C-alpha atoms as a PDB file:
ATOM      1  CA  MET A   1     -11.253  -0.419   4.818  1.00  0.00           C
ATOM      2  CA  GLY A   2     -11.710  -2.772   1.767  1.00  0.00           C
ATOM      3  CA  ARG A   3      -8.603  -4.699   2.513  1.00  0.00           C
ATOM      4  CA  ALA A   4      -9.401  -4.257   6.156  1.00  0.00           C
ATOM      5  CA  VAL A   5     -12.608  -6.131   5.534  1.00  0.00           C
ATOM      6  CA  THR A   6     -11.728  -8.750   2.876  1.00  0.00           C
ATOM      7  CA  MET A   7      -8.104  -9.235   3.281  1.00  0.00           C
ATOM      8  CA  PRO A   8      -5.727  -9.540   6.356  1.00  0.00           C
ATOM      9  CA  VAL A   9      -5.493  -6.033   7.581  1.00  0.00           C
ATOM     10  CA  PHE A  10      -4.951  -5.282  11.238  1.00  0.00           C
ATOM     11  CA  GLY A  11      -5.560  -3.425  14.438  1.00  0.00           C
ATOM     12  CA  ILE A  12      -2.888  -2.332  16.792  1.00  0.00           C
ATOM     13  CA  GLY A  13      -1.351  -4.961  19.076  1.00  0.00           C
ATOM     14  CA  VAL A  14       0.994  -3.650  21.786  1.00  0.00           C
ATOM     15  CA  ASN A  15       3.155  -5.921  24.011  1.00  0.00           C
ATOM     16  CA  VAL A  16       4.631  -4.391  27.106  1.00  0.00           C
ATOM     17  CA  LYS A  17       7.386  -6.232  28.987  1.00  0.00           C
ATOM     18  CA  ILE A  18       8.086  -5.212  32.623  1.00  0.00           C
ATOM     19  CA  ALA A  19      11.428  -6.405  34.056  1.00  0.00           C
ATOM     20  CA  ALA A  20      11.208  -6.739  37.885  1.00  0.00           C
ATOM     21  CA  GLU A  21      14.439  -6.140  39.968  1.00  0.00           C
ATOM     22  CA  GLU A  22      14.780  -7.159  43.596  1.00  0.00           C
ATOM     23  CA  GLU A  23      16.753  -4.074  44.627  1.00  0.00           C
ATOM     24  CA  VAL A  24      15.157  -0.632  43.991  1.00  0.00           C
ATOM     25  CA  GLY A  25      16.913   2.421  45.464  1.00  0.00           C
ATOM     26  CA  ASP A  26      15.456   5.642  46.300  1.00  0.00           C
ATOM     27  CA  MET A  27      16.867   7.326  42.994  1.00  0.00           C
ATOM     28  CA  LYS A  28      15.073   4.611  40.881  1.00  0.00           C
ATOM     29  CA  ILE A  29      11.777   5.068  42.812  1.00  0.00           C
ATOM     30  CA  HIS A  30      12.016   8.758  42.063  1.00  0.00           C
ATOM     31  CA  ALA A  31      12.895   8.221  38.535  1.00  0.00           C
ATOM     32  CA  VAL A  32       9.921   5.912  37.986  1.00  0.00           C
ATOM     33  CA  ALA A  33       7.666   8.452  39.656  1.00  0.00           C
ATOM     34  CA  LEU A  34       8.958  11.209  37.511  1.00  0.00           C
ATOM     35  CA  ALA A  35       8.475   9.144  34.354  1.00  0.00           C
ATOM     36  CA  LEU A  36       4.935   8.339  35.298  1.00  0.00           C
ATOM     37  CA  LEU A  37       4.182  12.056  36.032  1.00  0.00           C
ATOM     38  CA  ILE A  38       5.498  13.004  32.498  1.00  0.00           C
ATOM     39  CA  ALA A  39       3.701  10.250  30.953  1.00  0.00           C
ATOM     40  CA  GLY A  40       0.437  11.348  32.659  1.00  0.00           C
ATOM     41  CA  GLY A  41       1.086  14.882  31.595  1.00  0.00           C
ATOM     42  CA  ASN A  42       1.527  13.878  27.945  1.00  0.00           C
ATOM     43  CA  THR A  43      -1.589  11.757  28.107  1.00  0.00           C
ATOM     44  CA  ALA A  44      -3.631  14.652  29.583  1.00  0.00           C
ATOM     45  CA  SER A  45      -2.317  16.986  26.960  1.00  0.00           C
ATOM     46  CA  HIS A  46      -3.161  14.573  24.156  1.00  0.00           C
ATOM     47  CA  ALA A  47      -6.678  14.048  25.510  1.00  0.00           C
ATOM     48  CA  ALA A  48      -7.126  17.791  25.772  1.00  0.00           C
ATOM     49  CA  ASP A  49      -6.523  18.283  22.095  1.00  0.00           C
ATOM     50  CA  THR A  50      -9.977  18.666  20.647  1.00  0.00           C
ATOM     51  CA  THR A  51      -9.263  20.354  17.343  1.00  0.00           C
ATOM     52  CA  PRO A  52     -11.057  18.738  14.411  1.00  0.00           C
ATOM     53  CA  GLU A  53      -7.693  17.519  12.974  1.00  0.00           C
ATOM     54  CA  ALA A  54      -6.900  15.800  16.385  1.00  0.00           C
ATOM     55  CA  GLU A  55     -10.334  14.251  16.723  1.00  0.00           C
ATOM     56  CA  LEU A  56     -10.495  12.948  13.161  1.00  0.00           C
ATOM     57  CA  ARG A  57      -7.093  11.343  13.503  1.00  0.00           C
ATOM     58  CA  ARG A  58      -8.051   9.614  16.752  1.00  0.00           C
ATOM     59  CA  ASN A  59     -11.210   8.480  15.181  1.00  0.00           C
ATOM     60  CA  THR A  60      -9.327   7.147  11.983  1.00  0.00           C
ATOM     61  CA  GLN A  61      -6.809   5.327  14.302  1.00  0.00           C
ATOM     62  CA  ALA A  62      -9.584   3.836  16.316  1.00  0.00           C
ATOM     63  CA  LEU A  63     -11.191   2.431  13.249  1.00  0.00           C
ATOM     64  CA  LEU A  64      -7.846   0.879  12.112  1.00  0.00           C
ATOM     65  CA  ASP A  65      -7.250  -0.582  15.724  1.00  0.00           C
ATOM     66  CA  ALA A  66     -10.679  -2.145  15.557  1.00  0.00           C
ATOM     67  CA  ILE A  67      -9.991  -4.232  12.518  1.00  0.00           C
ATOM     68  CA  ALA A  68      -7.912  -6.984  13.835  1.00  0.00           C
ATOM     69  CA  PRO A  69     -10.200  -7.993  16.719  1.00  0.00           C
ATOM     70  CA  GLY A  70     -13.345  -7.584  14.560  1.00  0.00           C
ATOM     71  CA  ASP A  71     -14.480  -4.660  16.801  1.00  0.00           C
ATOM     72  CA  VAL A  72     -17.899  -4.035  15.259  1.00  0.00           C
ATOM     73  CA  ALA A  73     -19.071  -1.609  17.900  1.00  0.00           C
ATOM     74  CA  THR A  74     -16.342   0.788  17.093  1.00  0.00           C
ATOM     75  CA  TRP A  75     -17.115   0.866  13.483  1.00  0.00           C
ATOM     76  CA  ASP A  76     -20.927   0.986  14.111  1.00  0.00           C
ATOM     77  CA  ARG A  77     -20.420   4.016  16.358  1.00  0.00           C
ATOM     78  CA  LEU A  78     -18.165   5.987  13.914  1.00  0.00           C
ATOM     79  CA  LEU A  79     -19.934   5.178  10.616  1.00  0.00           C
ATOM     80  CA  ASP A  80     -22.729   7.213   9.364  1.00  0.00           C
ATOM     81  CA  PRO A  81     -25.839   5.258   8.603  1.00  0.00           C
ATOM     82  CA  LYS A  82     -25.537   6.171   4.914  1.00  0.00           C
ATOM     83  CA  ALA A  83     -21.851   5.482   4.733  1.00  0.00           C
ATOM     84  CA  ILE A  84     -20.329   3.988   1.525  1.00  0.00           C
ATOM     85  CA  GLN A  85     -16.921   2.376   1.252  1.00  0.00           C
ATOM     86  CA  VAL A  86     -15.058   1.316  -1.985  1.00  0.00           C
ATOM     87  CA  ASP A  87     -12.016  -0.864  -1.280  1.00  0.00           C
ATOM     88  CA  GLU A  88      -8.895  -1.571  -3.329  1.00  0.00           C
ATOM     89  CA  ASP A  89     -10.540  -4.519  -5.003  1.00  0.00           C
ATOM     90  CA  ASP A  90     -13.343  -2.209  -6.248  1.00  0.00           C
ATOM     91  CA  THR A  91     -15.955  -3.685  -3.956  1.00  0.00           C
ATOM     92  CA  VAL A  92     -18.605  -1.263  -2.885  1.00  0.00           C
ATOM     93  CA  ARG A  93     -20.166  -1.645   0.673  1.00  0.00           C
ATOM     94  CA  ALA A  94     -22.847   0.182   2.532  1.00  0.00           C
ATOM     95  CA  LYS A  95     -22.759   0.294   6.436  1.00  0.00           C
ATOM     96  CA  PRO A  96     -24.703  -3.092   6.887  1.00  0.00           C
ATOM     97  CA  GLN A  97     -22.117  -4.875   4.626  1.00  0.00           C
ATOM     98  CA  ILE A  98     -19.153  -3.247   6.272  1.00  0.00           C
ATOM     99  CA  LEU A  99     -20.231  -4.383   9.614  1.00  0.00           C
ATOM    100  CA  ALA A 100     -21.139  -7.844   8.551  1.00  0.00           C
ATOM    101  CA  ASP A 101     -17.842  -8.414   6.885  1.00  0.00           C
ATOM    102  CA  LEU A 102     -15.725  -7.182   9.787  1.00  0.00           C
ATOM    103  CA  LYS A 103     -14.329 -10.365  11.446  1.00  0.00           C
ATOM    104  CA  PRO A 104     -11.364 -10.968  13.814  1.00  0.00           C
ATOM    105  CA  LEU A 105      -8.102 -12.228  12.269  1.00  0.00           C
ATOM    106  CA  GLY A 106      -7.791 -15.900  11.873  1.00  0.00           C
ATOM    107  CA  PRO A 107      -5.331 -18.157  13.638  1.00  0.00           C
ATOM    108  CA  GLY A 108      -1.717 -17.584  12.672  1.00  0.00           C
ATOM    109  CA  LEU A 109      -2.219 -13.874  11.617  1.00  0.00           C
ATOM    110  CA  THR A 110      -1.024 -10.894  13.718  1.00  0.00           C
ATOM    111  CA  GLY A 111      -0.366  -7.372  12.666  1.00  0.00           C
ATOM    112  CA  ASN A 112      -1.350  -3.624  12.825  1.00  0.00           C
ATOM    113  CA  LEU A 113      -2.150  -0.501  10.820  1.00  0.00           C
ATOM    114  CA  GLN A 114      -0.637   2.769  11.821  1.00  0.00           C
ATOM    115  CA  ILE A 115      -1.207   6.186  10.325  1.00  0.00           C
ATOM    116  CA  ASP A 116       1.989   7.460   8.634  1.00  0.00           C
ATOM    117  CA  ASP A 117       0.711  10.530   6.921  1.00  0.00           C
ATOM    118  CA  PHE A 118      -2.570  12.489   7.682  1.00  0.00           C
ATOM    119  CA  ARG A 119      -4.049  15.499   5.949  1.00  0.00           C
ATOM    120  CA  VAL A 120      -7.265  17.269   6.649  1.00  0.00           C
ATOM    121  CA  ALA A 121      -9.316  19.826   4.515  1.00  0.00           C
ATOM    122  CA  LEU A 122     -12.201  21.309   6.445  1.00  0.00           C
ATOM    123  CA  PHE A 123     -15.345  22.646   4.836  1.00  0.00           C
ATOM    124  CA  GLY A 124     -17.582  23.773   7.649  1.00  0.00           C
ATOM    125  CA  ASP A 125     -19.195  20.496   9.149  1.00  0.00           C
ATOM    126  CA  VAL A 126     -17.618  18.362   6.433  1.00  0.00           C
ATOM    127  CA  ALA A 127     -14.028  17.191   6.423  1.00  0.00           C
ATOM    128  CA  VAL A 128     -12.012  15.432   3.614  1.00  0.00           C
ATOM    129  CA  VAL A 129      -9.129  13.428   5.072  1.00  0.00           C
ATOM    130  CA  THR A 130      -6.373  11.589   3.225  1.00  0.00           C
ATOM    131  CA  HIS A 131      -4.053   9.299   5.147  1.00  0.00           C
ATOM    132  CA  GLU A 132      -1.320   6.701   4.146  1.00  0.00           C
ATOM    133  CA  ASP A 133      -1.139   3.765   6.568  1.00  0.00           C
ATOM    134  CA  LYS A 134       1.649   1.297   7.188  1.00  0.00           C
ATOM    135  CA  GLU A 135       0.684  -2.225   7.476  1.00  0.00           C
ATOM    136  CA  TYR A 136       2.605  -4.906   9.436  1.00  0.00           C
ATOM    137  CA  LEU A 137       1.461  -8.498   9.006  1.00  0.00           C
ATOM    138  CA  ASP A 138       2.897 -11.736  10.401  1.00  0.00           C
ATOM    139  CA  TYR A 139       1.376 -14.208   8.051  1.00  0.00           C
ATOM    140  CA  HIS A 140       2.010 -17.590   9.559  1.00  0.00           C
ATOM    141  CA  GLY A 141       5.611 -16.606  10.405  1.00  0.00           C
ATOM    142  CA  GLN A 142       6.358 -14.653   7.180  1.00  0.00           C
ATOM    143  CA  VAL A 143       6.376 -10.792   7.675  1.00  0.00           C
ATOM    144  CA  LEU A 144       4.807  -8.570   5.107  1.00  0.00           C
ATOM    145  CA  HIS A 145       4.786  -4.732   4.878  1.00  0.00           C
ATOM    146  CA  SER A 146       2.246  -2.896   2.891  1.00  0.00           C
ATOM    147  CA  ARG A 147       0.787   0.578   2.479  1.00  0.00           C
ATOM    148  CA  PHE A 148      -2.595   1.907   1.829  1.00  0.00           C
ATOM    149  CA  ARG A 149      -3.810   5.261   0.797  1.00  0.00           C
ATOM    150  CA  MET A 150      -7.310   6.161   2.004  1.00  0.00           C
ATOM    151  CA  THR A 151      -9.443   9.175   1.358  1.00  0.00           C
ATOM    152  CA  ASP A 152     -12.339   9.766   3.864  1.00  0.00           C
ATOM    153  CA  THR A 153     -15.214  12.137   4.062  1.00  0.00           C
ATOM    154  CA  TRP A 154     -16.475  12.932   7.534  1.00  0.00           C
ATOM    155  CA  ARG A 155     -19.457  14.844   8.655  1.00  0.00           C
ATOM    156  CA  ARG A 156     -19.834  16.621  12.086  1.00  0.00           C
ATOM    157  CA  THR A 157     -22.951  15.652  13.891  1.00  0.00           C
ATOM    158  CA  PRO A 158     -24.270  16.513  17.468  1.00  0.00           C
ATOM    159  CA  GLU A 159     -22.915  13.037  18.461  1.00  0.00           C
ATOM    160  CA  GLY A 160     -19.465  13.902  16.973  1.00  0.00           C
ATOM    161  CA  TRP A 161     -17.782  13.080  13.706  1.00  0.00           C
ATOM    162  CA  ARG A 162     -19.132  10.389  11.474  1.00  0.00           C
ATOM    163  CA  LEU A 163     -17.538   8.706   8.446  1.00  0.00           C
ATOM    164  CA  LEU A 164     -19.677   9.204   5.234  1.00  0.00           C
ATOM    165  CA  GLY A 165     -17.389   7.631   2.552  1.00  0.00           C
ATOM    166  CA  GLU A 166     -14.142   6.048   2.081  1.00  0.00           C
ATOM    167  CA  GLN A 167     -11.920   5.025  -0.882  1.00  0.00           C
ATOM    168  CA  VAL A 168      -9.014   2.622  -0.301  1.00  0.00           C
ATOM    169  CA  LEU A 169      -6.075   2.230  -2.586  1.00  0.00           C
ATOM    170  CA  ALA A 170      -3.196  -0.152  -2.237  1.00  0.00           C
ATOM    171  CA  VAL A 171       0.053   1.698  -2.621  1.00  0.00           C
ATOM    172  CA  GLN A 172       1.964  -0.126  -5.263  1.00  0.00           C
ATOM    173  CA  GLN A 173       5.656  -0.725  -5.285  1.00  0.00           C
ATOM    174  CA  ASP A 174       8.285  -2.199  -7.757  1.00  0.00           C
ATOM    175  CA  PRO A 175       8.695  -6.065  -7.554  1.00  0.00           C
ATOM    176  CA  PRO A 176      12.045  -7.631  -6.969  1.00  0.00           C
ATOM    177  CA  SER A 177      14.096  -7.835 -10.168  1.00  0.00           C
ATOM    178  CA  VAL A 178      15.971 -10.902 -11.326  1.00  0.00           C
ATOM    179  CA  PRO A 179      18.919 -11.344 -13.776  1.00  0.00           C
ATOM    180  CA  PHE A 180      18.467 -12.461 -17.314  1.00  0.00           C
ATOM    181  CA  ASP A 181      20.842 -13.519 -20.143  1.00  0.00           C
ATOM    182  CA  SER A 182      21.776 -10.158 -21.664  1.00  0.00           C
ATOM    183  CA  LYS A 183      24.551 -11.586 -23.887  1.00  0.00           C
ATOM    184  CA  SER A 184      22.340 -13.829 -25.913  1.00  0.00           C
ATOM    185  CA  CYS A 185      19.502 -11.320 -25.468  1.00  0.00           C
ATOM    186  CA  ALA A 186      16.415 -12.567 -27.402  1.00  0.00           C
ATOM    187  CA  TYR A 187      14.536  -9.366 -26.989  1.00  0.00           C
ATOM    188  CA  ALA A 188      16.907  -6.972 -29.016  1.00  0.00           C
ATOM    189  CA  GLY A 189      15.219  -5.605 -32.127  1.00  0.00           C
ATOM    190  CA  HIS A 190      12.646  -3.078 -33.619  1.00  0.00           C
ATOM    191  CA  TYR A 191       9.115  -3.201 -32.592  1.00  0.00           C
ATOM    192  CA  ALA A 192       6.105  -1.374 -34.012  1.00  0.00           C
ATOM    193  CA  LEU A 193       2.922   0.020 -32.422  1.00  0.00           C
ATOM    194  CA  THR A 194       1.956   1.704 -35.856  1.00  0.00           C
ATOM    195  CA  ASP A 195       3.797   2.448 -38.924  1.00  0.00           C
ATOM    196  CA  ASP A 196       5.047   5.608 -37.521  1.00  0.00           C
ATOM    197  CA  ILE A 197       5.668   4.614 -33.878  1.00  0.00           C
ATOM    198  CA  VAL A 198       8.587   2.260 -33.593  1.00  0.00           C
ATOM    199  CA  ALA A 199      10.793   1.328 -30.611  1.00  0.00           C
ATOM    200  CA  THR A 200      14.231  -0.013 -30.583  1.00  0.00           C
ATOM    201  CA  ILE A 201      15.171  -2.429 -27.664  1.00  0.00           C
ATOM    202  CA  SER A 202      18.635  -3.461 -26.685  1.00  0.00           C
ATOM    203  CA  CYS A 203      20.006  -5.383 -23.787  1.00  0.00           C
ATOM    204  CA  ARG A 204      22.295  -3.926 -21.026  1.00  0.00           C
ATOM    205  CA  GLY A 205      24.610  -5.747 -18.701  1.00  0.00           C
ATOM    206  CA  GLY A 206      24.278  -4.782 -15.155  1.00  0.00           C
ATOM    207  CA  GLY A 207      27.116  -2.995 -13.266  1.00  0.00           C
ATOM    208  CA  GLN A 208      28.246  -3.984  -9.910  1.00  0.00           C
ATOM    209  CA  GLY A 209      25.435  -4.543  -7.631  1.00  0.00           C
ATOM    210  CA  GLN A 210      22.887  -3.974 -10.498  1.00  0.00           C
ATOM    211  CA  ASN A 211      20.661  -6.362 -12.363  1.00  0.00           C
ATOM    212  CA  GLN A 212      20.664  -6.453 -16.157  1.00  0.00           C
ATOM    213  CA  GLY A 213      17.916  -4.624 -18.045  1.00  0.00           C
ATOM    214  CA  LEU A 214      16.444  -3.640 -21.433  1.00  0.00           C
ATOM    215  CA  ALA A 215      16.948  -0.184 -22.887  1.00  0.00           C
ATOM    216  CA  VAL A 216      13.965   1.028 -24.882  1.00  0.00           C
ATOM    217  CA  GLU A 217      14.480   3.929 -27.349  1.00  0.00           C
ATOM    218  CA  ARG A 218      11.841   5.918 -29.346  1.00  0.00           C
ATOM    219  CA  ALA A 219      12.694   8.886 -31.652  1.00  0.00           C
ATOM    220  CA  GLY A 220      12.583  12.268 -29.612  1.00  0.00           C
ATOM    221  CA  ARG A 221      12.069  10.555 -26.278  1.00  0.00           C
ATOM    222  CA  PRO A 222      14.460   9.631 -23.451  1.00  0.00           C
ATOM    223  CA  VAL A 223      15.754   6.059 -23.201  1.00  0.00           C
ATOM    224  CA  ARG A 224      13.726   4.053 -20.792  1.00  0.00           C
ATOM    225  CA  THR A 225      15.119   0.983 -18.712  1.00  0.00           C
ATOM    226  CA  PHE A 226      13.132  -2.084 -17.938  1.00  0.00           C
ATOM    227  CA  LEU A 227      14.225  -4.765 -15.337  1.00  0.00           C
ATOM    228  CA  ALA A 228      13.214  -8.429 -15.440  1.00  0.00           C
ATOM    229  CA  GLU A 229      10.727  -9.532 -13.023  1.00  0.00           C
ATOM    230  CA  ALA A 230      10.295 -13.155 -14.515  1.00  0.00           C
ATOM    231  CA  ALA A 231      10.840 -14.857 -17.785  1.00  0.00           C
ATOM    232  CA  ASP A 232       9.711 -12.536 -20.484  1.00  0.00           C
ATOM    233  CA  VAL A 233       8.134 -10.174 -18.008  1.00  0.00           C
ATOM    234  CA  PHE A 234       9.773  -6.754 -17.444  1.00  0.00           C
ATOM    235  CA  PHE A 235       8.851  -3.656 -15.446  1.00  0.00           C
ATOM    236  CA  GLU A 236       9.958  -0.061 -15.415  1.00  0.00           C
ATOM    237  CA  PRO A 237      11.279   1.076 -11.994  1.00  0.00           C
ATOM    238  CA  GLY A 238       8.938   3.601 -10.579  1.00  0.00           C
ATOM    239  CA  PHE A 239       6.001   2.480 -12.529  1.00  0.00           C
ATOM    240  CA  PRO A 240       4.585  -0.640 -10.757  1.00  0.00           C
ATOM    241  CA  ARG A 241       1.231  -0.328 -12.558  1.00  0.00           C
ATOM    242  CA  THR A 242       2.482  -1.653 -15.871  1.00  0.00           C
ATOM    243  CA  ARG A 243       4.422  -4.627 -17.287  1.00  0.00           C
ATOM    244  CA  ARG A 244       6.104  -5.351 -20.622  1.00  0.00           C
ATOM    245  CA  ILE A 245       5.343  -8.919 -21.494  1.00  0.00           C
ATOM    246  CA  PHE A 246       7.206 -10.451 -24.392  1.00  0.00           C
ATOM    247  CA  GLN A 247       5.344 -13.023 -26.717  1.00  0.00           C
ATOM    248  CA  ARG A 248       6.837 -16.035 -28.520  1.00  0.00           C
ATOM    249  CA  ASP A 249       5.745 -18.284 -31.277  1.00  0.00           C
ATOM    250  CA  ALA A 250       5.567 -22.110 -31.315  1.00  0.00           C
ATOM    251  CA  GLY A 251       9.323 -22.314 -31.958  1.00  0.00           C
ATOM    252  CA  GLY A 252      10.194 -19.962 -29.030  1.00  0.00           C
ATOM    253  CA  HIS A 253      11.042 -17.013 -31.053  1.00  0.00           C
ATOM    254  CA  VAL A 254      10.021 -13.528 -29.715  1.00  0.00           C
ATOM    255  CA  THR A 255       7.274 -12.157 -32.005  1.00  0.00           C
ATOM    256  CA  GLY A 256       6.452  -8.930 -30.045  1.00  0.00           C
ATOM    257  CA  PHE A 257       5.339  -7.738 -26.611  1.00  0.00           C
ATOM    258  CA  VAL A 258       2.336  -6.304 -24.983  1.00  0.00           C
ATOM    259  CA  ASP A 259       2.246  -3.144 -22.633  1.00  0.00           C
ATOM    260  CA  ARG A 260      -0.027  -4.420 -19.928  1.00  0.00           C
ATOM    261  CA  ARG A 261      -1.683  -2.099 -17.365  1.00  0.00           C
ATOM    262  CA  GLU A 262      -4.417  -3.338 -14.991  1.00  0.00           C
ATOM    263  CA  GLY A 263      -4.857  -6.388 -17.178  1.00  0.00           C
ATOM    264  CA  ARG A 264      -5.465  -4.467 -20.422  1.00  0.00           C
ATOM    265  CA  ASP A 265      -2.889  -4.928 -23.284  1.00  0.00           C
ATOM    266  CA  ILE A 266      -1.426  -2.654 -26.032  1.00  0.00           C
ATOM    267  CA  VAL A 267       0.180  -4.939 -28.706  1.00  0.00           C
ATOM    268  CA  TRP A 268       3.602  -4.294 -30.339  1.00  0.00           C
ATOM    269  CA  LYS A 269       4.763  -6.372 -33.238  1.00  0.00           C
ATOM    270  CA  ARG A 270       8.330  -7.220 -33.840  1.00  0.00           C
ATOM    271  CA  LEU A 271       9.817  -5.929 -37.180  1.00  0.00           C
ATOM    272  CA  SER A 272      13.342  -7.231 -37.206  1.00  0.00           C
ATOM    273  CA  GLN A 273      16.120  -8.320 -34.878  1.00  0.00           C
ATOM    274  CA  THR A 274      18.982  -6.094 -34.280  1.00  0.00           C
ATOM    275  CA  PRO A 275      22.571  -7.320 -34.614  1.00  0.00           C
END
């Protein structure tokens, strides 16, 4: 995975703690034996599942597990020689680059990736898999939770399923919102994209437990609400790809804003200030 290779993404680490007791009665011994028997039965049942979906899921989790320790052997075994990977930073790698970039996590980093949603479409000896994975990262004592959406193409060979291609996307989420001064709102006014496309912005005070925000109105469209992320930077809840960034002149007066998506701006100019 792109992030798995270039950023701190992780394999699975499981810590098991066993508490020993001095007194163990017959009932406890039988209970332990029964638990082991059930566990063994579940393991055997899981291992016996040889459907393509089950095999592909096991292979996918094995690749995720191999990231943290830098387990090149697992990736080498499951990658097709002609595999291509595109990560969330738009870096394209062939198999040699994927293996060369796979390194163990550095000191102070621990975490894991677990499959959360897994779907398979089979086309003979080719399978298209999409899965969303939960990432847990302890980054020098600070815990981060992220999610990734991956789409993989697998080919069935005499040696088993081999990964042909992978596309990795970071699942984006809304940033934390912050309050701003809605009473002396500097953003209220009319803004134009063209002569015919004009938006009216007003400030709304937040209710109990809610942050203040901007209400944006255009003729014939529903009112949209934006929350503050930082000074002069606003986002629309549910649309984390875009930002509305207000611009100011040398005197600090708002002159307009840009709609920014993936670093590309659409410019709106301020026409007037509303009362």
